[in-house]
Amino acid sequence: MKSGKKTEDEILCEFLDTFEDHHADVAGNEDSRDGVITHEEWCEYYNNVSMSVDDDAYFEAMMNSTWNLKGDRVTKKGWGGEV
C-alpha cells in the first residue's frame, strides 16, 4: 500500500496467517491453509507460545489481557468499529 497503512482486511489476513503458518509447518502440509482457524490450530500455536513463558501465572495473565477470557474488561467498540 502506498500510504504505508494497512486495511483491516490486510491486518486480519496477517493475523490468521500467524496461526495457519504454524499449523502448516507442524503438519507439513501447506495445503492446510484455508483461512479458518480451527481449535487444533489455535491450541498448537498457543502451546508453542507457552513453552517460551516460564511462569504459568504470567501466561494466564497474558492470555486474559489479550483475549479477555475472564470477561472482566468491558469494551464499547466491536470489530470493524461497530458500537
Protein backbone atom coordinates (compact mmCIF):
# COMPACT_ATOMS: atom_id res chain seq x y z
CA MET A 1 0.00 0.00 0.00
CA LYS A 2 1.43 3.38 -0.99
CA SER A 3 0.42 5.27 2.17
CA GLY A 4 2.17 2.73 4.39
CA LYS A 5 -1.11 1.90 6.13
CA LYS A 6 -2.84 -1.45 6.06
CA THR A 7 -6.52 -2.08 5.69
CA GLU A 8 -8.49 -4.03 8.31
CA ASP A 9 -8.66 -6.95 5.87
CA GLU A 10 -4.87 -6.96 5.41
CA ILE A 11 -4.33 -6.95 9.17
CA LEU A 12 -6.88 -9.73 9.67
CA CYS A 13 -5.21 -11.86 6.97
CA GLU A 14 -1.81 -11.40 8.61
CA PHE A 15 -3.28 -12.35 11.98
CA LEU A 16 -4.89 -15.51 10.57
CA ASP A 17 -1.66 -16.37 8.76
CA THR A 18 0.14 -16.45 12.12
CA PHE A 19 -1.90 -19.49 13.16
CA GLU A 20 -2.03 -21.16 9.77
CA ASP A 21 1.68 -20.74 9.09
CA HIS A 22 2.49 -22.51 12.34
CA HIS A 23 -0.03 -25.30 11.67
CA ALA A 24 1.23 -25.80 8.11
CA ASP A 25 4.80 -26.09 9.44
CA VAL A 26 3.82 -28.61 12.12
CA ALA A 27 1.54 -30.62 9.86
CA GLY A 28 4.00 -30.42 6.96
CA ASN A 29 1.09 -29.58 4.73
CA GLU A 30 0.96 -26.17 3.06
CA ASP A 31 -2.48 -27.14 1.67
CA SER A 32 -3.92 -26.93 5.19
CA ARG A 33 -4.20 -23.14 4.80
CA ASP A 34 -7.89 -22.38 4.41
CA GLY A 35 -8.48 -19.03 6.17
CA VAL A 36 -10.22 -20.73 9.10
CA ILE A 37 -8.54 -21.13 12.49
CA THR A 38 -9.53 -24.46 13.97
CA HIS A 39 -9.40 -25.36 17.65
CA GLU A 40 -6.41 -27.59 16.83
CA GLU A 41 -4.55 -24.73 15.09
CA TRP A 42 -5.30 -22.38 18.00
CA CYS A 43 -4.06 -24.87 20.59
CA GLU A 44 -0.92 -25.73 18.60
CA TYR A 45 0.01 -22.07 18.29
CA TYR A 46 -0.52 -21.23 21.97
CA ASN A 47 1.13 -24.45 23.11
CA ASN A 48 4.21 -23.25 21.25
CA VAL A 49 3.92 -19.75 22.73
CA SER A 50 3.51 -21.15 26.25
CA MET A 51 6.80 -23.04 26.00
CA SER A 52 8.64 -19.72 25.94
CA VAL A 53 6.90 -18.42 29.10
CA ASP A 54 8.46 -19.60 32.35
CA ASP A 55 5.59 -18.78 34.68
CA ASP A 56 2.05 -20.19 34.31
CA ALA A 57 0.52 -17.21 36.13
CA TYR A 58 2.22 -14.82 33.70
CA PHE A 59 0.97 -16.85 30.71
CA GLU A 60 -2.56 -16.79 32.14
CA ALA A 61 -2.35 -13.01 32.66
CA MET A 62 -1.01 -12.57 29.13
CA MET A 63 -3.84 -14.64 27.61
CA ASN A 64 -6.52 -12.86 29.64
CA SER A 65 -5.07 -9.47 28.76
CA THR A 66 -5.01 -10.34 25.07
CA TRP A 67 -8.32 -12.19 24.76
CA ASN A 68 -10.31 -11.01 27.82
CA LEU A 69 -11.00 -14.65 28.73
CA LYS A 70 -12.44 -13.73 32.13
CA GLY A 71 -14.80 -11.24 30.53
CA ASP A 72 -13.90 -8.56 33.06
CA ARG A 73 -12.85 -5.91 30.54
CA VAL A 74 -15.77 -4.02 29.04
CA THR A 75 -15.33 -2.66 25.55
CA LYS A 76 -17.75 -0.49 23.65
CA LYS A 77 -16.19 -0.83 20.22
CA GLY A 78 -16.56 -4.08 18.31
CA TRP A 79 -14.59 -5.45 15.39
CA GLY A 80 -14.84 -3.14 12.42
CA GLY A 81 -15.94 -0.19 14.56
CA GLU A 82 -19.47 -1.39 15.35
CA VAL A 83 -20.91 0.07 18.55
